[in-house]
Amino acid sequence: MQHKARKFSTRAKAVTTTAALAAVAAGVTGAVSASADTTDTTTAAAPAAVTAVKDKAVTTTDHLTVQAATDAAQAALKAAQKEGQRVSVAVVDRNGNTLVTLRGDGAGPQAYESAVKKAYTAVAWNTPTSRLTERLKSAPTLKDIPGTLFLAGGAPVTHDDTPIAGVGVAGAPSGDLDEKFAQAGVAAIGNRR
């Protein structure tokens, strides 16, 4: 009698498991079906919400290519290496987004972030950062603007007199050297054919 009870128990388990799996499958199918219905409704409504804007509401901007940014960073690093300087180089776009960074062998840990900030400062003001340090004398709170660094070593990149990028170098013993290397990076872009 015990033997029959075990078979019944095994059969009961099999039936119960099968029923549970069937219930889960039905629930998933229902959920997928409900989800599909919602998606169809949303998709149908989306085109009505799209509005075309007039040409006068749109502007086009120029951006430095990644290849040009890489060329600038490599040229700046190479110029520093020729003079035995250990620097970091950064190239940022008009909005301060980093395009390329190169940390030279032996560059100090602070050089990386400083290079990015110098590049951003140069493009934000469309002026080499060495010139901006003079402005601090009459407006000392400029240095409080987030993401900026008013030390020599940043050079703007322009296209049709509009700033489109910045090259920043940090790590040399003087800002003048940093800026010289940043200018070498800008020159490399200008010399591209």
N, C-alpha and C. Protein backbone atom coordinates (compact mmCIF):
# COMPACT_ATOMS: atom_id res chain seq x y z
N MET A 1 0.81 -1.18 0.00
CA MET A 1 0.00 0.00 0.00
C MET A 1 0.86 1.26 0.00
N GLN A 2 1.93 1.18 0.72
CA GLN A 2 2.83 2.33 0.71
C GLN A 2 3.37 2.59 -0.68
N HIS A 3 3.64 1.54 -1.41
CA HIS A 3 4.17 1.69 -2.75
C HIS A 3 3.20 2.47 -3.63
N LYS A 4 1.92 2.17 -3.58
CA LYS A 4 0.93 2.88 -4.37
C LYS A 4 0.84 4.34 -3.94
N ALA A 5 0.99 4.58 -2.69
CA ALA A 5 0.95 5.96 -2.21
C ALA A 5 2.10 6.77 -2.80
N ARG A 6 3.26 6.16 -2.93
CA ARG A 6 4.40 6.88 -3.53
C ARG A 6 4.12 7.19 -5.00
N LYS A 7 3.56 6.21 -5.72
CA LYS A 7 3.25 6.46 -7.13
C LYS A 7 2.23 7.59 -7.26
N PHE A 8 1.26 7.55 -6.40
CA PHE A 8 0.26 8.61 -6.44
C PHE A 8 0.91 9.95 -6.13
N SER A 9 1.78 9.94 -5.20
CA SER A 9 2.46 11.17 -4.82
C SER A 9 3.31 11.69 -5.98
N THR A 10 4.02 10.79 -6.65
CA THR A 10 4.84 11.19 -7.79
C THR A 10 3.95 11.70 -8.92
N ARG A 11 2.85 10.98 -9.17
CA ARG A 11 1.92 11.44 -10.20
C ARG A 11 1.31 12.78 -9.81
N ALA A 12 0.98 12.93 -8.58
CA ALA A 12 0.39 14.19 -8.12
C ALA A 12 1.38 15.33 -8.31
N LYS A 13 2.64 15.03 -8.02
CA LYS A 13 3.67 16.06 -8.21
C LYS A 13 3.80 16.42 -9.68
N ALA A 14 3.78 15.44 -10.54
CA ALA A 14 3.91 15.69 -11.97
C ALA A 14 2.74 16.52 -12.48
N VAL A 15 1.53 16.17 -12.06
CA VAL A 15 0.35 16.90 -12.49
C VAL A 15 0.38 18.34 -11.95
N THR A 16 0.77 18.45 -10.69
CA THR A 16 0.84 19.78 -10.07
C THR A 16 1.88 20.64 -10.77
N THR A 17 3.05 20.07 -11.07
CA THR A 17 4.11 20.80 -11.77
C THR A 17 3.65 21.22 -13.15
N THR A 18 3.01 20.32 -13.87
CA THR A 18 2.51 20.62 -15.20
C THR A 18 1.47 21.74 -15.15
N ALA A 19 0.59 21.67 -14.18
CA ALA A 19 -0.44 22.70 -14.03
C ALA A 19 0.19 24.05 -13.69
N ALA A 20 1.21 24.03 -12.85
CA ALA A 20 1.88 25.28 -12.48
C ALA A 20 2.59 25.89 -13.68
N LEU A 21 3.27 25.04 -14.45
CA LEU A 21 3.94 25.54 -15.66
C LEU A 21 2.93 26.10 -16.65
N ALA A 22 1.82 25.46 -16.81
CA ALA A 22 0.78 25.93 -17.72
C ALA A 22 0.24 27.29 -17.26
N ALA A 23 0.08 27.44 -15.94
CA ALA A 23 -0.42 28.71 -15.40
C ALA A 23 0.59 29.83 -15.62
N VAL A 24 1.87 29.52 -15.41
CA VAL A 24 2.91 30.52 -15.64
C VAL A 24 2.95 30.90 -17.11
N ALA A 25 2.88 29.92 -17.99
CA ALA A 25 2.91 30.19 -19.42
C ALA A 25 1.73 31.06 -19.83
N ALA A 26 0.57 30.78 -19.28
CA ALA A 26 -0.61 31.57 -19.59
C ALA A 26 -0.44 33.00 -19.10
N GLY A 27 0.15 33.15 -17.91
CA GLY A 27 0.39 34.48 -17.37
C GLY A 27 1.38 35.26 -18.22
N VAL A 28 2.44 34.61 -18.66
CA VAL A 28 3.44 35.27 -19.51
C VAL A 28 2.82 35.67 -20.84
N THR A 29 2.04 34.76 -21.42
CA THR A 29 1.39 35.07 -22.68
C THR A 29 0.45 36.26 -22.52
N GLY A 30 -0.28 36.29 -21.42
CA GLY A 30 -1.17 37.42 -21.16
C GLY A 30 -0.40 38.71 -20.97
N ALA A 31 0.73 38.62 -20.26
CA ALA A 31 1.55 39.82 -20.03
C ALA A 31 2.14 40.32 -21.34
N VAL A 32 2.62 39.40 -22.18
CA VAL A 32 3.16 39.79 -23.47
C VAL A 32 2.07 40.39 -24.33
N SER A 33 0.91 39.79 -24.30
CA SER A 33 -0.21 40.30 -25.07
C SER A 33 -0.61 41.69 -24.59
N ALA A 34 -0.68 41.87 -23.27
CA ALA A 34 -1.03 43.18 -22.72
C ALA A 34 0.05 44.20 -23.06
N SER A 35 1.28 43.77 -22.99
CA SER A 35 2.39 44.67 -23.31
C SER A 35 2.35 45.05 -24.79
N ALA A 36 2.05 44.10 -25.63
CA ALA A 36 1.97 44.37 -27.06
C ALA A 36 0.86 45.35 -27.36
N ASP A 37 -0.28 45.21 -26.65
CA ASP A 37 -1.39 46.13 -26.87
C ASP A 37 -1.00 47.55 -26.48
N THR A 38 -0.29 47.70 -25.36
CA THR A 38 0.14 49.02 -24.91
C THR A 38 1.10 49.63 -25.90
N THR A 39 2.05 48.84 -26.39
CA THR A 39 3.03 49.33 -27.34
C THR A 39 2.35 49.81 -28.62
N ASP A 40 1.37 49.03 -29.09
CA ASP A 40 0.68 49.42 -30.31
C ASP A 40 -0.03 50.76 -30.13
N THR A 41 -0.65 50.98 -28.98
CA THR A 41 -1.35 52.23 -28.71
C THR A 41 -0.36 53.38 -28.66
N THR A 42 0.78 53.18 -27.97
CA THR A 42 1.79 54.23 -27.86
C THR A 42 2.38 54.55 -29.23
N THR A 43 2.69 53.52 -30.00
CA THR A 43 3.26 53.72 -31.32
C THR A 43 2.30 54.49 -32.21
N ALA A 44 1.04 54.19 -32.13
CA ALA A 44 0.05 54.86 -32.96
C ALA A 44 -0.06 56.34 -32.57
N ALA A 45 0.10 56.64 -31.27
CA ALA A 45 -0.06 58.02 -30.82
C ALA A 45 1.19 58.85 -31.06
N ALA A 46 2.35 58.22 -31.14
CA ALA A 46 3.62 58.95 -31.25
C ALA A 46 3.69 59.90 -32.45
N PRO A 47 3.30 59.48 -33.66
CA PRO A 47 3.42 60.40 -34.79
C PRO A 47 2.62 61.69 -34.60
N ALA A 48 1.53 61.63 -33.88
CA ALA A 48 0.74 62.84 -33.66
C ALA A 48 1.49 63.82 -32.77
N ALA A 49 2.38 63.32 -31.89
CA ALA A 49 3.10 64.19 -30.97
C ALA A 49 4.34 64.82 -31.61
N VAL A 50 4.79 64.33 -32.74
CA VAL A 50 5.98 64.86 -33.40
C VAL A 50 5.61 66.15 -34.13
N THR A 51 6.42 67.17 -33.90
CA THR A 51 6.18 68.46 -34.55
C THR A 51 7.44 68.87 -35.30
N ALA A 52 7.30 69.22 -36.52
CA ALA A 52 8.44 69.69 -37.31
C ALA A 52 8.73 71.14 -36.95
N VAL A 53 10.02 71.45 -36.78
CA VAL A 53 10.39 72.82 -36.48
C VAL A 53 10.82 73.52 -37.76
N LYS A 54 10.70 74.81 -37.76
CA LYS A 54 11.07 75.61 -38.92
C LYS A 54 12.59 75.72 -39.01
N ASP A 55 13.11 75.97 -40.19
CA ASP A 55 14.54 76.09 -40.39
C ASP A 55 15.16 77.18 -39.51
N LYS A 56 14.44 78.23 -39.24
CA LYS A 56 14.98 79.32 -38.42
C LYS A 56 15.13 78.93 -36.96
N ALA A 57 14.58 77.81 -36.54
CA ALA A 57 14.68 77.36 -35.15
C ALA A 57 15.84 76.38 -34.96
N VAL A 58 16.61 76.14 -36.02
CA VAL A 58 17.68 75.16 -35.98
C VAL A 58 18.99 75.83 -36.36
N THR A 59 20.07 75.39 -35.74
CA THR A 59 21.39 75.91 -36.08
C THR A 59 22.33 74.74 -36.34
N THR A 60 23.32 74.99 -37.13
CA THR A 60 24.31 73.97 -37.43
C THR A 60 25.65 74.46 -36.90
N THR A 61 26.39 73.57 -36.27
CA THR A 61 27.71 73.96 -35.74
C THR A 61 28.78 73.05 -36.31
N ASP A 62 30.00 73.58 -36.32
CA ASP A 62 31.14 72.82 -36.79
C ASP A 62 31.78 72.12 -35.61
N HIS A 63 32.26 70.91 -35.85
CA HIS A 63 32.91 70.13 -34.81
C HIS A 63 34.23 69.59 -35.33
N LEU A 64 35.18 69.52 -34.44
CA LEU A 64 36.47 68.93 -34.77
C LEU A 64 36.31 67.43 -34.89
N THR A 65 36.89 66.82 -35.90
CA THR A 65 36.79 65.37 -36.04
C THR A 65 37.68 64.70 -34.99
N VAL A 66 37.38 63.47 -34.70
CA VAL A 66 38.20 62.72 -33.75
C VAL A 66 39.62 62.57 -34.28
N GLN A 67 39.76 62.39 -35.58
CA GLN A 67 41.10 62.27 -36.16
C GLN A 67 41.90 63.56 -36.00
N ALA A 68 41.25 64.70 -36.23
CA ALA A 68 41.94 65.98 -36.06
C ALA A 68 42.30 66.20 -34.60
N ALA A 69 41.41 65.84 -33.69
CA ALA A 69 41.69 65.97 -32.26
C ALA A 69 42.86 65.08 -31.86
N THR A 70 42.89 63.88 -32.39
CA THR A 70 43.99 62.94 -32.10
C THR A 70 45.30 63.49 -32.64
N ASP A 71 45.27 64.03 -33.86
CA ASP A 71 46.48 64.62 -34.45
C ASP A 71 47.00 65.77 -33.57
N ALA A 72 46.09 66.60 -33.09
CA ALA A 72 46.48 67.73 -32.24
C ALA A 72 47.11 67.24 -30.95
N ALA A 73 46.49 66.26 -30.31
CA ALA A 73 47.02 65.73 -29.05
C ALA A 73 48.39 65.10 -29.25
N GLN A 74 48.53 64.33 -30.31
CA GLN A 74 49.82 63.69 -30.58
C GLN A 74 50.91 64.71 -30.90
N ALA A 75 50.57 65.76 -31.64
CA ALA A 75 51.55 66.79 -31.98
C ALA A 75 51.99 67.54 -30.72
N ALA A 76 51.05 67.83 -29.84
CA ALA A 76 51.39 68.53 -28.60
C ALA A 76 52.29 67.66 -27.72
N LEU A 77 51.95 66.39 -27.62
CA LEU A 77 52.76 65.47 -26.80
C LEU A 77 54.15 65.31 -27.40
N LYS A 78 54.21 65.20 -28.72
CA LYS A 78 55.51 65.05 -29.38
C LYS A 78 56.38 66.29 -29.17
N ALA A 79 55.79 67.48 -29.24
CA ALA A 79 56.54 68.71 -29.02
C ALA A 79 57.11 68.74 -27.59
N ALA A 80 56.33 68.29 -26.64
CA ALA A 80 56.79 68.24 -25.24
C ALA A 80 57.91 67.21 -25.07
N GLN A 81 57.75 66.07 -25.69
CA GLN A 81 58.76 65.02 -25.58
C GLN A 81 60.09 65.45 -26.19
N LYS A 82 60.03 66.22 -27.28
CA LYS A 82 61.27 66.72 -27.91
C LYS A 82 62.08 67.57 -26.93
N GLU A 83 61.37 68.24 -26.02
CA GLU A 83 62.04 69.09 -25.05
C GLU A 83 62.21 68.40 -23.70
N GLY A 84 61.95 67.10 -23.67
CA GLY A 84 62.14 66.33 -22.45
C GLY A 84 61.11 66.60 -21.36
N GLN A 85 59.93 67.08 -21.74
CA GLN A 85 58.90 67.40 -20.76
C GLN A 85 57.87 66.28 -20.66
N ARG A 86 57.43 66.04 -19.45
CA ARG A 86 56.43 64.99 -19.16
C ARG A 86 55.10 65.67 -18.91
N VAL A 87 54.22 65.57 -19.87
CA VAL A 87 52.95 66.30 -19.81
C VAL A 87 51.77 65.39 -20.13
N SER A 88 50.60 65.91 -19.83
CA SER A 88 49.35 65.34 -20.29
C SER A 88 48.72 66.33 -21.25
N VAL A 89 47.99 65.82 -22.23
CA VAL A 89 47.36 66.65 -23.25
C VAL A 89 45.88 66.29 -23.32
N ALA A 90 45.05 67.30 -23.49
CA ALA A 90 43.61 67.07 -23.67
C ALA A 90 43.09 67.93 -24.80
N VAL A 91 42.15 67.39 -25.54
CA VAL A 91 41.44 68.14 -26.57
C VAL A 91 39.96 67.99 -26.26
N VAL A 92 39.27 69.14 -26.14
CA VAL A 92 37.84 69.13 -25.84
C VAL A 92 37.08 69.82 -26.95
N ASP A 93 35.80 69.51 -27.06
CA ASP A 93 34.97 70.18 -28.07
C ASP A 93 34.44 71.50 -27.51
N ARG A 94 33.62 72.17 -28.28
CA ARG A 94 33.09 73.48 -27.91
C ARG A 94 32.34 73.46 -26.58
N ASN A 95 31.73 72.36 -26.24
CA ASN A 95 30.96 72.25 -25.01
C ASN A 95 31.77 71.72 -23.84
N GLY A 96 33.05 71.50 -24.06
CA GLY A 96 33.90 71.00 -22.98
C GLY A 96 33.94 69.49 -22.87
N ASN A 97 33.31 68.80 -23.81
CA ASN A 97 33.35 67.34 -23.80
C ASN A 97 34.73 66.87 -24.27
N THR A 98 35.32 65.98 -23.54
CA THR A 98 36.65 65.51 -23.88
C THR A 98 36.61 64.64 -25.12
N LEU A 99 37.43 65.00 -26.11
CA LEU A 99 37.54 64.21 -27.33
C LEU A 99 38.71 63.24 -27.24
N VAL A 100 39.87 63.75 -26.79
CA VAL A 100 41.08 62.94 -26.71
C VAL A 100 41.89 63.39 -25.51
N THR A 101 42.47 62.44 -24.80
CA THR A 101 43.46 62.76 -23.77
C THR A 101 44.63 61.81 -23.93
N LEU A 102 45.81 62.34 -23.71
CA LEU A 102 47.02 61.53 -23.72
C LEU A 102 47.82 61.88 -22.47
N ARG A 103 48.14 60.89 -21.71
CA ARG A 103 48.99 61.09 -20.54
C ARG A 103 50.38 60.62 -20.92
N GLY A 104 51.30 61.56 -21.03
CA GLY A 104 52.67 61.21 -21.39
C GLY A 104 53.34 60.39 -20.29
N ASP A 105 54.33 59.61 -20.69
CA ASP A 105 55.08 58.81 -19.72
C ASP A 105 55.68 59.73 -18.66
N GLY A 106 55.42 59.42 -17.42
CA GLY A 106 55.99 60.16 -16.31
C GLY A 106 55.27 61.45 -15.95
N ALA A 107 54.15 61.76 -16.62
CA ALA A 107 53.40 62.98 -16.28
C ALA A 107 52.81 62.84 -14.89
N GLY A 108 52.78 63.94 -14.16
CA GLY A 108 52.24 63.93 -12.80
C GLY A 108 50.75 63.66 -12.78
N PRO A 109 50.26 63.19 -11.63
CA PRO A 109 48.84 62.85 -11.54
C PRO A 109 47.90 64.03 -11.71
N GLN A 110 48.33 65.24 -11.35
CA GLN A 110 47.49 66.42 -11.48
C GLN A 110 47.42 66.92 -12.92
N ALA A 111 48.36 66.51 -13.76
CA ALA A 111 48.45 67.04 -15.12
C ALA A 111 47.24 66.67 -15.97
N TYR A 112 46.71 65.50 -15.79
CA TYR A 112 45.59 65.04 -16.61
C TYR A 112 44.39 65.97 -16.48
N GLU A 113 43.93 66.16 -15.25
CA GLU A 113 42.75 67.01 -15.02
C GLU A 113 43.03 68.46 -15.38
N SER A 114 44.23 68.92 -15.09
CA SER A 114 44.60 70.30 -15.42
C SER A 114 44.56 70.53 -16.92
N ALA A 115 45.02 69.57 -17.70
CA ALA A 115 45.01 69.70 -19.17
C ALA A 115 43.58 69.83 -19.69
N VAL A 116 42.67 69.02 -19.15
CA VAL A 116 41.27 69.09 -19.57
C VAL A 116 40.69 70.46 -19.24
N LYS A 117 40.94 70.94 -18.03
CA LYS A 117 40.39 72.24 -17.63
C LYS A 117 40.99 73.39 -18.44
N LYS A 118 42.27 73.32 -18.74
CA LYS A 118 42.89 74.37 -19.56
C LYS A 118 42.29 74.38 -20.97
N ALA A 119 42.07 73.20 -21.53
CA ALA A 119 41.47 73.11 -22.87
C ALA A 119 40.07 73.71 -22.86
N TYR A 120 39.28 73.38 -21.85
CA TYR A 120 37.92 73.91 -21.76
C TYR A 120 37.94 75.43 -21.58
N THR A 121 38.82 75.92 -20.73
CA THR A 121 38.91 77.37 -20.49
C THR A 121 39.26 78.10 -21.78
N ALA A 122 40.19 77.55 -22.54
CA ALA A 122 40.60 78.19 -23.80
C ALA A 122 39.45 78.26 -24.80
N VAL A 123 38.70 77.19 -24.96
CA VAL A 123 37.61 77.21 -25.93
C VAL A 123 36.43 78.04 -25.42
N ALA A 124 36.19 78.02 -24.13
CA ALA A 124 35.06 78.77 -23.58
C ALA A 124 35.22 80.27 -23.80
N TRP A 125 36.45 80.77 -23.71
CA TRP A 125 36.71 82.19 -23.90
C TRP A 125 37.35 82.49 -25.25
N ASN A 126 37.60 81.48 -26.05
CA ASN A 126 38.23 81.64 -27.36
C ASN A 126 39.51 82.48 -27.26
N THR A 127 40.29 82.17 -26.25
CA THR A 127 41.52 82.91 -25.98
C THR A 127 42.53 81.97 -25.34
N PRO A 128 43.81 82.11 -25.68
CA PRO A 128 44.81 81.33 -24.96
C PRO A 128 44.73 81.62 -23.46
N THR A 129 44.89 80.61 -22.66
CA THR A 129 44.70 80.78 -21.22
C THR A 129 45.74 81.70 -20.59
N SER A 130 46.90 81.88 -21.23
CA SER A 130 47.89 82.80 -20.69
C SER A 130 47.35 84.23 -20.66
N ARG A 131 46.55 84.59 -21.64
CA ARG A 131 45.94 85.93 -21.68
C ARG A 131 44.84 86.07 -20.63
N LEU A 132 44.18 84.96 -20.34
CA LEU A 132 43.08 85.01 -19.38
C LEU A 132 43.57 85.23 -17.96
N THR A 133 44.78 84.84 -17.66
CA THR A 133 45.30 85.04 -16.31
C THR A 133 45.35 86.53 -15.98
N GLU A 134 45.53 87.38 -16.97
CA GLU A 134 45.53 88.83 -16.75
C GLU A 134 44.15 89.32 -16.33
N ARG A 135 43.11 88.69 -16.85
CA ARG A 135 41.74 89.11 -16.52
C ARG A 135 41.41 88.86 -15.05
N LEU A 136 42.09 87.91 -14.44
CA LEU A 136 41.83 87.61 -13.03
C LEU A 136 42.14 88.79 -12.13
N LYS A 137 43.03 89.66 -12.56
CA LYS A 137 43.37 90.82 -11.75
C LYS A 137 42.16 91.74 -11.58
N SER A 138 41.37 91.89 -12.62
CA SER A 138 40.19 92.77 -12.53
C SER A 138 38.91 91.99 -12.19
N ALA A 139 38.92 90.70 -12.38
CA ALA A 139 37.72 89.88 -12.09
C ALA A 139 38.15 88.57 -11.43
N PRO A 140 38.57 88.62 -10.17
CA PRO A 140 39.12 87.42 -9.52
C PRO A 140 38.13 86.27 -9.36
N THR A 141 36.85 86.53 -9.45
CA THR A 141 35.87 85.45 -9.28
C THR A 141 35.74 84.58 -10.54
N LEU A 142 36.38 84.97 -11.63
CA LEU A 142 36.36 84.12 -12.83
C LEU A 142 36.87 82.72 -12.51
N LYS A 143 37.85 82.64 -11.64
CA LYS A 143 38.46 81.35 -11.30
C LYS A 143 37.47 80.41 -10.61
N ASP A 144 36.34 80.94 -10.16
CA ASP A 144 35.34 80.12 -9.48
C ASP A 144 34.37 79.43 -10.43
N ILE A 145 34.48 79.70 -11.70
CA ILE A 145 33.59 79.06 -12.68
C ILE A 145 33.97 77.58 -12.78
N PRO A 146 33.01 76.68 -12.57
CA PRO A 146 33.31 75.24 -12.58
C PRO A 146 33.95 74.78 -13.88
N GLY A 147 34.95 73.92 -13.74
CA GLY A 147 35.58 73.29 -14.90
C GLY A 147 36.67 74.11 -15.55
N THR A 148 36.94 75.31 -15.04
CA THR A 148 37.95 76.17 -15.66
C THR A 148 39.24 76.16 -14.86
N LEU A 149 40.32 76.55 -15.53
CA LEU A 149 41.61 76.69 -14.87
C LEU A 149 42.36 77.82 -15.57
N PHE A 150 42.57 78.89 -14.86
CA PHE A 150 43.20 80.08 -15.44
C PHE A 150 44.71 80.05 -15.23
N LEU A 151 45.34 79.10 -15.90
CA LEU A 151 46.79 78.98 -15.93
C LEU A 151 47.19 78.82 -17.39
N ALA A 152 48.34 79.31 -17.75
CA ALA A 152 48.81 79.17 -19.13
C ALA A 152 48.92 77.69 -19.50
N GLY A 153 48.58 77.38 -20.75
CA GLY A 153 48.66 76.00 -21.23
C GLY A 153 47.47 75.57 -22.07
N GLY A 154 46.52 76.47 -22.29
CA GLY A 154 45.36 76.15 -23.11
C GLY A 154 45.31 77.02 -24.35
N ALA A 155 44.93 76.43 -25.49
CA ALA A 155 44.84 77.18 -26.74
C ALA A 155 43.54 76.81 -27.46
N PRO A 156 42.81 77.82 -27.94
CA PRO A 156 41.57 77.52 -28.65
C PRO A 156 41.82 77.07 -30.09
N VAL A 157 40.87 76.32 -30.62
CA VAL A 157 40.86 75.92 -32.03
C VAL A 157 39.63 76.59 -32.63
N THR A 158 39.82 77.32 -33.73
CA THR A 158 38.70 78.01 -34.35
C THR A 158 38.49 77.56 -35.79
N HIS A 159 37.27 77.76 -36.24
CA HIS A 159 36.92 77.54 -37.65
C HIS A 159 36.02 78.71 -38.04
N ASP A 160 36.41 79.45 -39.05
CA ASP A 160 35.68 80.66 -39.45
C ASP A 160 35.48 81.60 -38.27
N ASP A 161 36.54 81.81 -37.51
CA ASP A 161 36.55 82.70 -36.34
C ASP A 161 35.60 82.27 -35.21
N THR A 162 35.17 81.04 -35.24
CA THR A 162 34.30 80.51 -34.19
C THR A 162 35.05 79.43 -33.44
N PRO A 163 35.04 79.48 -32.10
CA PRO A 163 35.73 78.43 -31.34
C PRO A 163 35.01 77.09 -31.47
N ILE A 164 35.77 76.05 -31.81
CA ILE A 164 35.16 74.72 -31.95
C ILE A 164 35.82 73.68 -31.05
N ALA A 165 36.99 74.00 -30.49
CA ALA A 165 37.69 73.05 -29.63
C ALA A 165 38.77 73.78 -28.85
N GLY A 166 39.35 73.07 -27.90
CA GLY A 166 40.46 73.61 -27.14
C GLY A 166 41.49 72.53 -26.92
N VAL A 167 42.76 72.92 -26.91
CA VAL A 167 43.86 72.00 -26.62
C VAL A 167 44.48 72.47 -25.31
N GLY A 168 44.61 71.57 -24.37
CA GLY A 168 45.21 71.91 -23.09
C GLY A 168 46.39 71.01 -22.79
N VAL A 169 47.45 71.59 -22.23
CA VAL A 169 48.64 70.83 -21.86
C VAL A 169 48.99 71.21 -20.43
N ALA A 170 49.37 70.23 -19.64
CA ALA A 170 49.78 70.49 -18.26
C ALA A 170 50.89 69.52 -17.87
N GLY A 171 51.78 70.00 -17.02
CA GLY A 171 52.83 69.13 -16.51
C GLY A 171 54.23 69.66 -16.70
N ALA A 172 54.44 70.57 -17.63
CA ALA A 172 55.77 71.16 -17.82
C ALA A 172 56.05 72.09 -16.64
N PRO A 173 57.31 72.43 -16.41
CA PRO A 173 57.62 73.28 -15.26
C PRO A 173 57.08 74.72 -15.36
N SER A 174 56.63 75.15 -16.54
CA SER A 174 56.04 76.49 -16.65
C SER A 174 54.84 76.44 -17.58
N GLY A 175 53.91 77.34 -17.32
CA GLY A 175 52.73 77.44 -18.18
C GLY A 175 53.09 77.87 -19.59
N ASP A 176 54.16 78.65 -19.71
CA ASP A 176 54.58 79.08 -21.05
C ASP A 176 54.94 77.88 -21.92
N LEU A 177 55.63 76.90 -21.32
CA LEU A 177 55.96 75.69 -22.08
C LEU A 177 54.69 74.91 -22.40
N ASP A 178 53.81 74.77 -21.42
CA ASP A 178 52.54 74.07 -21.66
C ASP A 178 51.81 74.69 -22.84
N GLU A 179 51.75 76.00 -22.85
CA GLU A 179 51.02 76.68 -23.92
C GLU A 179 51.73 76.55 -25.27
N LYS A 180 53.03 76.56 -25.24
CA LYS A 180 53.81 76.36 -26.47
C LYS A 180 53.45 74.99 -27.08
N PHE A 181 53.35 73.98 -26.23
CA PHE A 181 53.02 72.64 -26.73
C PHE A 181 51.56 72.57 -27.19
N ALA A 182 50.66 73.27 -26.50
CA ALA A 182 49.26 73.32 -26.92
C ALA A 182 49.15 73.99 -28.29
N GLN A 183 49.91 75.04 -28.50
CA GLN A 183 49.90 75.73 -29.79
C GLN A 183 50.43 74.82 -30.90
N ALA A 184 51.41 73.95 -30.56
CA ALA A 184 51.91 72.98 -31.55
C ALA A 184 50.77 72.04 -31.96
N GLY A 185 49.92 71.69 -31.01
CA GLY A 185 48.76 70.85 -31.33
C GLY A 185 47.78 71.54 -32.25
N VAL A 186 47.50 72.81 -31.97
CA VAL A 186 46.61 73.59 -32.83
C VAL A 186 47.19 73.73 -34.22
N ALA A 187 48.49 73.97 -34.30
CA ALA A 187 49.16 74.11 -35.60
C ALA A 187 49.06 72.83 -36.42
N ALA A 188 49.13 71.69 -35.75
CA ALA A 188 49.01 70.41 -36.47
C ALA A 188 47.65 70.27 -37.15
N ILE A 189 46.62 70.81 -36.53
CA ILE A 189 45.29 70.77 -37.15
C ILE A 189 45.26 71.71 -38.34
N GLY A 190 45.83 72.90 -38.17
CA GLY A 190 45.85 73.88 -39.25
C GLY A 190 46.64 73.44 -40.45
N ASN A 191 47.62 72.56 -40.24
CA ASN A 191 48.48 72.09 -41.33
C ASN A 191 47.91 70.87 -42.05
N ARG A 192 46.77 70.36 -41.58
CA ARG A 192 46.18 69.18 -42.22
C ARG A 192 45.68 69.52 -43.61
N ARG A 193 45.78 68.58 -44.49
CA ARG A 193 45.28 68.79 -45.85
C ARG A 193 44.16 67.85 -46.13
